[in-house]
Amino acid sequence: PQPVILSFDPLTATLSWSAIPGKRYRVQYKANLGGPLIWSSLAGDVTASGDVATKVDPGALPGQRFYRVVMLEP
């Protein structure tokens, strides 16, 4: 998946990425790319209903997070 939008408001981060309809995706994050190779997953996987999928991270702010989107196998 290719991220297309990362937007912030005062309390949340919203991620949107190119998707394949019907496929499931998991958004993962970590605070430091130089740290351990362990990523944390946001609660609730996303099943794409169109060409773009979206996930809101209500715990993103304050602070810094790096994200990745993983397409899950059936």
N, C-alpha and C. Protein backbone atom coordinates (compact mmCIF):
# COMPACT_ATOMS: atom_id res chain seq x y z
N PRO A 1 0.83 -1.21 0.00
CA PRO A 1 0.00 0.00 0.00
C PRO A 1 0.86 1.25 0.00
N GLN A 2 0.43 2.24 -0.72
CA GLN A 2 1.14 3.51 -0.78
C GLN A 2 0.36 4.57 -0.01
N PRO A 3 0.96 5.16 1.05
CA PRO A 3 0.27 6.24 1.75
C PRO A 3 0.03 7.41 0.81
N VAL A 4 -1.15 7.98 0.90
CA VAL A 4 -1.46 9.13 0.07
C VAL A 4 -1.72 10.38 0.90
N ILE A 5 -2.19 10.21 2.12
CA ILE A 5 -2.51 11.37 2.96
C ILE A 5 -2.21 11.03 4.41
N LEU A 6 -1.57 11.93 5.10
CA LEU A 6 -1.42 11.86 6.55
C LEU A 6 -1.79 13.24 7.05
N SER A 7 -2.92 13.32 7.75
CA SER A 7 -3.38 14.63 8.23
C SER A 7 -3.56 14.59 9.74
N PHE A 8 -3.45 15.75 10.35
CA PHE A 8 -3.56 15.87 11.80
C PHE A 8 -4.59 16.93 12.15
N ASP A 9 -5.30 16.68 13.24
CA ASP A 9 -6.07 17.74 13.87
C ASP A 9 -5.54 17.80 15.30
N PRO A 10 -6.09 18.59 16.18
CA PRO A 10 -5.49 18.72 17.51
C PRO A 10 -5.42 17.43 18.32
N LEU A 11 -6.21 16.41 18.00
CA LEU A 11 -6.25 15.21 18.84
C LEU A 11 -5.94 13.91 18.10
N THR A 12 -5.95 13.88 16.79
CA THR A 12 -5.80 12.62 16.07
C THR A 12 -4.96 12.77 14.81
N ALA A 13 -4.49 11.62 14.32
CA ALA A 13 -3.85 11.55 13.00
C ALA A 13 -4.74 10.66 12.13
N THR A 14 -4.94 11.05 10.89
CA THR A 14 -5.73 10.26 9.95
C THR A 14 -4.81 9.84 8.81
N LEU A 15 -4.75 8.53 8.57
CA LEU A 15 -3.93 7.99 7.49
C LEU A 15 -4.84 7.47 6.40
N SER A 16 -4.50 7.75 5.16
CA SER A 16 -5.22 7.22 4.00
C SER A 16 -4.19 6.66 3.04
N TRP A 17 -4.51 5.55 2.38
CA TRP A 17 -3.56 4.91 1.47
C TRP A 17 -4.31 4.26 0.32
N SER A 18 -3.57 4.01 -0.77
CA SER A 18 -4.16 3.30 -1.90
C SER A 18 -4.45 1.88 -1.45
N ALA A 19 -5.58 1.33 -1.89
CA ALA A 19 -6.02 0.03 -1.40
C ALA A 19 -6.66 -0.78 -2.52
N ILE A 20 -6.82 -2.07 -2.23
CA ILE A 20 -7.54 -2.97 -3.13
C ILE A 20 -8.86 -3.30 -2.45
N PRO A 21 -9.99 -3.00 -3.08
CA PRO A 21 -11.28 -3.26 -2.45
C PRO A 21 -11.39 -4.71 -1.98
N GLY A 22 -11.90 -4.88 -0.76
CA GLY A 22 -12.09 -6.19 -0.17
C GLY A 22 -10.90 -6.72 0.60
N LYS A 23 -9.72 -6.12 0.45
CA LYS A 23 -8.53 -6.57 1.17
C LYS A 23 -8.49 -5.94 2.56
N ARG A 24 -7.87 -6.67 3.51
CA ARG A 24 -7.74 -6.18 4.89
C ARG A 24 -6.34 -5.61 5.10
N TYR A 25 -6.29 -4.52 5.89
CA TYR A 25 -5.04 -3.84 6.17
C TYR A 25 -4.91 -3.60 7.67
N ARG A 26 -3.67 -3.59 8.13
CA ARG A 26 -3.36 -3.28 9.52
C ARG A 26 -2.39 -2.11 9.54
N VAL A 27 -2.71 -1.10 10.37
CA VAL A 27 -1.83 0.05 10.52
C VAL A 27 -1.00 -0.17 11.79
N GLN A 28 0.32 -0.04 11.63
CA GLN A 28 1.24 -0.21 12.74
C GLN A 28 2.05 1.06 12.92
N TYR A 29 2.59 1.23 14.13
CA TYR A 29 3.33 2.45 14.44
C TYR A 29 4.45 2.17 15.43
N LYS A 30 5.39 3.08 15.48
CA LYS A 30 6.41 3.10 16.51
C LYS A 30 6.90 4.53 16.67
N ALA A 31 7.46 4.84 17.83
CA ALA A 31 7.89 6.20 18.11
C ALA A 31 9.30 6.50 17.61
N ASN A 32 10.10 5.45 17.39
CA ASN A 32 11.49 5.66 17.02
C ASN A 32 11.90 4.60 16.01
N LEU A 33 12.31 5.01 14.83
CA LEU A 33 12.73 4.04 13.81
C LEU A 33 14.06 3.39 14.15
N GLY A 34 14.84 4.00 15.02
CA GLY A 34 16.13 3.44 15.40
C GLY A 34 16.05 2.44 16.53
N GLY A 35 14.88 2.27 17.12
CA GLY A 35 14.72 1.37 18.25
C GLY A 35 14.54 -0.07 17.82
N PRO A 36 13.99 -0.90 18.69
CA PRO A 36 13.75 -2.31 18.37
C PRO A 36 12.87 -2.46 17.13
N LEU A 37 12.93 -3.61 16.50
CA LEU A 37 12.18 -3.87 15.28
C LEU A 37 10.70 -4.16 15.53
N ILE A 38 10.24 -3.98 16.73
CA ILE A 38 8.86 -4.29 17.10
C ILE A 38 7.96 -3.10 16.80
N TRP A 39 6.88 -3.36 16.05
CA TRP A 39 5.87 -2.35 15.74
C TRP A 39 4.62 -2.67 16.56
N SER A 40 3.91 -1.63 16.99
CA SER A 40 2.62 -1.79 17.66
C SER A 40 1.52 -1.61 16.63
N SER A 41 0.40 -2.32 16.82
CA SER A 41 -0.72 -2.24 15.88
C SER A 41 -1.83 -1.38 16.46
N LEU A 42 -2.42 -0.53 15.62
CA LEU A 42 -3.63 0.18 16.04
C LEU A 42 -4.76 -0.83 16.13
N ALA A 43 -5.67 -0.62 17.06
CA ALA A 43 -6.79 -1.53 17.23
C ALA A 43 -7.71 -1.49 16.02
N GLY A 44 -8.14 -2.67 15.58
CA GLY A 44 -9.11 -2.76 14.49
C GLY A 44 -8.49 -2.68 13.12
N ASP A 45 -8.49 -3.79 12.42
CA ASP A 45 -8.02 -3.81 11.03
C ASP A 45 -9.04 -3.13 10.13
N VAL A 46 -8.59 -2.72 8.95
CA VAL A 46 -9.43 -2.00 8.00
C VAL A 46 -9.66 -2.90 6.78
N THR A 47 -10.93 -3.09 6.40
CA THR A 47 -11.26 -3.76 5.15
C THR A 47 -11.63 -2.67 4.15
N ALA A 48 -10.87 -2.61 3.06
CA ALA A 48 -11.08 -1.55 2.07
C ALA A 48 -12.39 -1.75 1.33
N SER A 49 -13.14 -0.68 1.19
CA SER A 49 -14.39 -0.74 0.43
C SER A 49 -14.24 -0.04 -0.92
N GLY A 50 -13.06 0.56 -1.16
CA GLY A 50 -12.80 1.25 -2.41
C GLY A 50 -11.31 1.31 -2.67
N ASP A 51 -10.89 2.24 -3.54
CA ASP A 51 -9.49 2.36 -3.93
C ASP A 51 -8.62 3.05 -2.88
N VAL A 52 -9.25 3.65 -1.87
CA VAL A 52 -8.54 4.31 -0.79
C VAL A 52 -9.13 3.82 0.52
N ALA A 53 -8.24 3.50 1.47
CA ALA A 53 -8.67 3.10 2.81
C ALA A 53 -8.15 4.13 3.80
N THR A 54 -8.83 4.23 4.94
CA THR A 54 -8.50 5.25 5.94
C THR A 54 -8.56 4.65 7.33
N LYS A 55 -7.64 5.12 8.19
CA LYS A 55 -7.63 4.72 9.60
C LYS A 55 -7.29 5.95 10.42
N VAL A 56 -7.99 6.14 11.53
CA VAL A 56 -7.74 7.25 12.45
C VAL A 56 -6.97 6.72 13.65
N ASP A 57 -5.92 7.43 14.03
CA ASP A 57 -5.14 7.10 15.23
C ASP A 57 -5.44 8.15 16.29
N PRO A 58 -6.32 7.82 17.25
CA PRO A 58 -6.68 8.81 18.27
C PRO A 58 -5.58 9.04 19.30
N GLY A 59 -4.56 8.18 19.33
CA GLY A 59 -3.49 8.34 20.31
C GLY A 59 -2.23 8.95 19.75
N ALA A 60 -2.28 9.50 18.57
CA ALA A 60 -1.08 9.97 17.88
C ALA A 60 -0.46 11.20 18.51
N LEU A 61 -1.26 12.07 19.03
CA LEU A 61 -0.74 13.34 19.53
C LEU A 61 -0.91 13.42 21.04
N PRO A 62 -0.05 14.01 21.80
CA PRO A 62 1.18 14.66 21.36
C PRO A 62 2.27 13.63 21.14
N GLY A 63 3.30 14.01 20.43
CA GLY A 63 4.44 13.12 20.22
C GLY A 63 4.67 12.84 18.75
N GLN A 64 5.56 11.92 18.52
CA GLN A 64 5.95 11.57 17.15
C GLN A 64 5.70 10.09 16.94
N ARG A 65 5.15 9.73 15.79
CA ARG A 65 4.96 8.34 15.43
C ARG A 65 5.32 8.13 13.97
N PHE A 66 5.88 6.97 13.70
CA PHE A 66 6.13 6.52 12.34
C PHE A 66 5.12 5.41 12.07
N TYR A 67 4.59 5.39 10.86
CA TYR A 67 3.53 4.42 10.53
C TYR A 67 3.96 3.53 9.37
N ARG A 68 3.35 2.34 9.36
CA ARG A 68 3.41 1.49 8.18
C ARG A 68 2.05 0.81 8.04
N VAL A 69 1.70 0.48 6.81
CA VAL A 69 0.43 -0.19 6.51
C VAL A 69 0.76 -1.55 5.93
N VAL A 70 0.18 -2.59 6.50
CA VAL A 70 0.44 -3.96 6.08
C VAL A 70 -0.83 -4.56 5.51
N MET A 71 -0.77 -5.12 4.28
CA MET A 71 -1.92 -5.82 3.74
C MET A 71 -1.88 -7.25 4.28
N LEU A 72 -3.01 -7.70 4.83
CA LEU A 72 -3.08 -9.02 5.46
C LEU A 72 -3.50 -10.07 4.46
N GLU A 73 -2.97 -11.25 4.63
CA GLU A 73 -3.37 -12.38 3.79
C GLU A 73 -4.74 -12.87 4.26
N PRO A 74 -5.52 -13.45 3.34
CA PRO A 74 -6.86 -13.93 3.74
C PRO A 74 -6.81 -15.03 4.78
